[in-house]
Amino acid sequence: MASSPFEIELDELTLARAKRGDVDACAQIFRDFHPAAWAVAMRLCKCRETAHEVTQEAFITAFRRLRQFRGDAPFWGWMRRVVINHAISTMRRARAPAVELEDHHAIDQPQQERVGQSMDLEAALASLNDEDRTVVWLHDVEGYSHAEIAGMYGMTESFSKTRLSRARAKLREWMDSTRRASAVGESAR
């Protein structure tokens, strides 16, 4: 599995200064971690505005609770957890999640194929409900265990396992139907 974009080294001096309330140190942490935080929030929430809100709230929470960070694990793991918890909380509060379509462009044929595959994966993930999509992302991409995911939701491990299993089945079904539709379209030409 690829490493997380959150795996950013934070030097102890910057962390210590930030814990003391040094604005420049906090700004450095924000600059370093913002792209990864926003990317995870966007993946989980599917909406730019919501991802922006989640990211901002996560940093506010992180800076308020920075003194609670004990250093038992890397800072990036703690920060990632703060962002994910905010995303989950925000999705729980949302009644009708907004869906935003992105414009994908490619320069050459190989890149066009990668964009097409990316769009297929994005569309497949978008077809899932918020909880299923989040569990798939947390487990398969971020590498969280079922116990960790269950803890984030305040549920049992079977919640995470069941959601993941059902989501994967839905993804397989979606991809199969897309392939069949594509094959029918090709044969009609």
Protein backbone atom coordinates (compact mmCIF):
# COMPACT_ATOMS: atom_id res chain seq x y z
CA MET A 1 0.00 0.00 0.00
CA ALA A 2 1.24 3.51 -0.79
CA SER A 3 2.21 5.74 2.06
CA SER A 4 -0.22 8.37 3.25
CA PRO A 5 0.23 11.95 2.02
CA PHE A 6 0.04 12.84 5.71
CA GLU A 7 3.41 11.20 6.38
CA ILE A 8 5.14 14.54 6.77
CA GLU A 9 8.01 14.89 9.19
CA LEU A 10 7.50 17.64 11.75
CA ASP A 11 10.57 18.71 13.65
CA GLU A 12 10.34 18.77 17.44
CA LEU A 13 11.28 22.44 17.64
CA THR A 14 8.37 23.53 15.42
CA LEU A 15 6.00 21.33 17.40
CA ALA A 16 7.25 22.69 20.75
CA ARG A 17 6.93 26.27 19.52
CA ALA A 18 3.39 25.58 18.26
CA LYS A 19 2.43 24.07 21.61
CA ARG A 20 3.55 27.32 23.25
CA GLY A 21 1.27 29.24 20.87
CA ASP A 22 3.90 30.51 18.42
CA VAL A 23 1.89 31.78 15.44
CA ASP A 24 4.73 31.23 12.96
CA ALA A 25 5.11 27.59 14.02
CA CYS A 26 1.35 27.04 13.72
CA ALA A 27 1.41 28.65 10.27
CA GLN A 28 4.23 26.30 9.23
CA ILE A 29 2.23 23.27 10.41
CA PHE A 30 -0.80 24.57 8.51
CA ARG A 31 1.22 25.06 5.30
CA ASP A 32 2.80 21.62 5.57
CA PHE A 33 -0.35 19.64 6.38
CA HIS A 34 -3.11 21.59 4.62
CA PRO A 35 -2.84 19.89 1.18
CA ALA A 36 -3.05 16.39 2.71
CA ALA A 37 -5.84 17.40 5.09
CA TRP A 38 -7.90 18.93 2.30
CA ALA A 39 -7.37 15.89 0.04
CA VAL A 40 -8.66 13.49 2.70
CA ALA A 41 -11.59 15.78 3.55
CA MET A 42 -12.48 16.03 -0.15
CA ARG A 43 -12.33 12.26 -0.62
CA LEU A 44 -14.63 11.68 2.32
CA CYS A 45 -17.08 14.55 1.83
CA LYS A 46 -17.24 14.79 -2.00
CA CYS A 47 -17.86 18.54 -1.87
CA ARG A 48 -15.24 21.29 -2.12
CA GLU A 49 -17.05 23.64 0.24
CA THR A 50 -17.59 20.94 2.84
CA ALA A 51 -13.98 19.76 2.51
CA HIS A 52 -12.80 23.34 3.00
CA GLU A 53 -14.99 23.68 6.10
CA VAL A 54 -13.84 20.33 7.50
CA THR A 55 -10.19 21.21 6.91
CA GLN A 56 -10.49 24.61 8.58
CA GLU A 57 -12.36 23.19 11.58
CA ALA A 58 -9.85 20.36 11.90
CA PHE A 59 -6.94 22.79 12.08
CA ILE A 60 -8.75 24.96 14.60
CA THR A 61 -9.39 21.88 16.76
CA ALA A 62 -5.82 20.65 16.32
CA PHE A 63 -4.31 23.96 17.39
CA ARG A 64 -6.65 24.23 20.37
CA ARG A 65 -5.76 20.70 21.48
CA LEU A 66 -2.11 20.72 20.49
CA ARG A 67 -0.98 20.45 24.09
CA GLN A 68 -2.89 17.16 24.34
CA PHE A 69 -0.65 15.63 21.66
CA ARG A 70 1.65 13.38 23.71
CA GLY A 71 4.00 12.27 20.95
CA ASP A 72 3.30 8.53 21.39
CA ALA A 73 2.79 8.31 17.62
CA PRO A 74 3.85 10.59 14.76
CA PHE A 75 2.17 13.99 14.64
CA TRP A 76 0.92 13.31 11.10
CA GLY A 77 -1.15 10.34 12.35
CA TRP A 78 -2.74 12.47 15.06
CA MET A 79 -3.51 15.26 12.59
CA ARG A 80 -5.00 12.82 10.08
CA ARG A 81 -7.27 11.43 12.79
CA VAL A 82 -8.48 14.95 13.67
CA VAL A 83 -9.38 15.61 10.01
CA ILE A 84 -11.15 12.26 9.60
CA ASN A 85 -13.13 12.73 12.80
CA HIS A 86 -14.28 16.16 11.63
CA ALA A 87 -15.27 14.75 8.23
CA ILE A 88 -17.31 11.97 9.84
CA SER A 89 -19.01 14.41 12.21
CA THR A 90 -19.82 16.79 9.37
CA MET A 91 -21.29 14.02 7.22
CA ARG A 92 -23.44 12.86 10.11
CA ARG A 93 -24.87 16.36 10.47
CA ALA A 94 -25.48 16.84 6.74
CA ARG A 95 -28.95 16.10 5.48
CA ALA A 96 -28.39 16.16 1.73
CA PRO A 97 -24.76 15.99 0.69
CA ALA A 98 -23.79 18.10 -2.28
CA VAL A 99 -22.13 16.39 -5.21
CA GLU A 100 -19.65 18.33 -7.29
CA LEU A 101 -18.46 17.24 -10.71
CA GLU A 102 -14.91 17.93 -11.75
CA ASP A 103 -13.70 18.67 -15.25
CA HIS A 104 -11.02 16.14 -16.26
CA HIS A 105 -8.66 16.88 -19.14
CA ALA A 106 -5.82 14.89 -20.63
CA ILE A 107 -3.06 15.79 -23.04
CA ASP A 108 -2.28 12.42 -24.67
CA GLN A 109 -3.90 8.98 -25.07
CA PRO A 110 -2.15 7.20 -22.12
CA GLN A 111 -3.00 10.12 -19.88
CA GLN A 112 -6.58 10.09 -21.20
CA GLU A 113 -6.89 6.42 -20.24
CA ARG A 114 -5.64 7.18 -16.70
CA VAL A 115 -8.12 10.07 -16.44
CA GLY A 116 -10.89 7.73 -17.62
CA GLN A 117 -9.93 5.13 -15.02
CA SER A 118 -9.78 7.85 -12.36
CA MET A 119 -13.21 9.08 -13.39
CA ASP A 120 -14.56 5.53 -13.26
CA LEU A 121 -13.21 5.06 -9.74
CA GLU A 122 -14.49 8.48 -8.65
CA ALA A 123 -17.93 7.72 -10.11
CA ALA A 124 -17.99 4.29 -8.48
CA LEU A 125 -17.07 5.74 -5.09
CA ALA A 126 -19.60 8.54 -5.56
CA SER A 127 -22.31 5.91 -6.07
CA LEU A 128 -21.82 4.77 -2.47
CA ASN A 129 -23.51 6.40 0.48
CA ASP A 130 -21.35 8.53 2.80
CA GLU A 131 -20.68 5.85 5.42
CA ASP A 132 -19.82 3.13 2.90
CA ARG A 133 -17.53 5.44 0.91
CA THR A 134 -15.80 6.61 4.09
CA VAL A 135 -15.23 3.06 5.36
CA VAL A 136 -13.80 1.99 1.98
CA TRP A 137 -11.51 5.00 1.91
CA LEU A 138 -10.35 4.65 5.50
CA HIS A 139 -9.72 0.91 5.24
CA ASP A 140 -8.42 0.45 1.70
CA VAL A 141 -6.61 3.73 1.11
CA GLU A 142 -5.68 5.16 4.51
CA GLY A 143 -4.97 1.73 6.00
CA TYR A 144 -7.10 1.96 9.14
CA SER A 145 -8.10 -1.30 10.82
CA HIS A 146 -11.71 -2.30 11.38
CA ALA A 147 -11.27 -1.64 15.09
CA GLU A 148 -10.03 1.90 14.43
CA ILE A 149 -12.86 2.66 12.01
CA ALA A 150 -15.42 1.25 14.42
CA GLY A 151 -13.98 3.46 17.14
CA MET A 152 -14.36 6.56 14.97
CA TYR A 153 -18.03 5.79 14.49
CA GLY A 154 -18.63 4.58 18.03
CA MET A 155 -19.71 1.19 16.70
CA THR A 156 -18.46 -2.40 16.80
CA GLU A 157 -15.91 -3.93 14.41
CA SER A 158 -18.72 -5.81 12.68
CA PHE A 159 -20.12 -2.42 11.61
CA SER A 160 -16.89 -1.67 9.73
CA LYS A 161 -16.55 -5.17 8.28
CA THR A 162 -20.17 -5.25 7.12
CA ARG A 163 -20.00 -1.77 5.59
CA LEU A 164 -16.77 -2.63 3.77
CA SER A 165 -18.14 -5.92 2.45
CA ARG A 166 -21.38 -4.34 1.23
CA ALA A 167 -19.55 -1.39 -0.29
CA ARG A 168 -17.15 -3.63 -2.19
CA ALA A 169 -20.10 -5.66 -3.50
CA LYS A 170 -21.79 -2.44 -4.66
CA LEU A 171 -18.57 -1.29 -6.32
CA ARG A 172 -18.19 -4.61 -8.14
CA GLU A 173 -21.82 -4.42 -9.28
CA TRP A 174 -21.38 -0.82 -10.44
CA MET A 175 -18.19 -1.64 -12.35
CA ASP A 176 -19.77 -4.74 -13.95
CA SER A 177 -22.81 -2.77 -15.12
CA THR A 178 -20.54 -0.04 -16.49
CA ARG A 179 -18.48 -2.62 -18.41
CA ARG A 180 -21.64 -4.23 -19.80
CA ALA A 181 -23.01 -0.85 -20.89
CA SER A 182 -19.68 -0.03 -22.52
CA ALA A 183 -19.62 -3.37 -24.34
CA VAL A 184 -23.17 -2.82 -25.62
CA GLY A 185 -22.17 0.63 -26.84
CA GLU A 186 -19.11 -0.76 -28.63
CA SER A 187 -21.10 -3.54 -30.35
CA ALA A 188 -23.71 -1.03 -31.56
CA ARG A 189 -21.05 0.87 -33.54
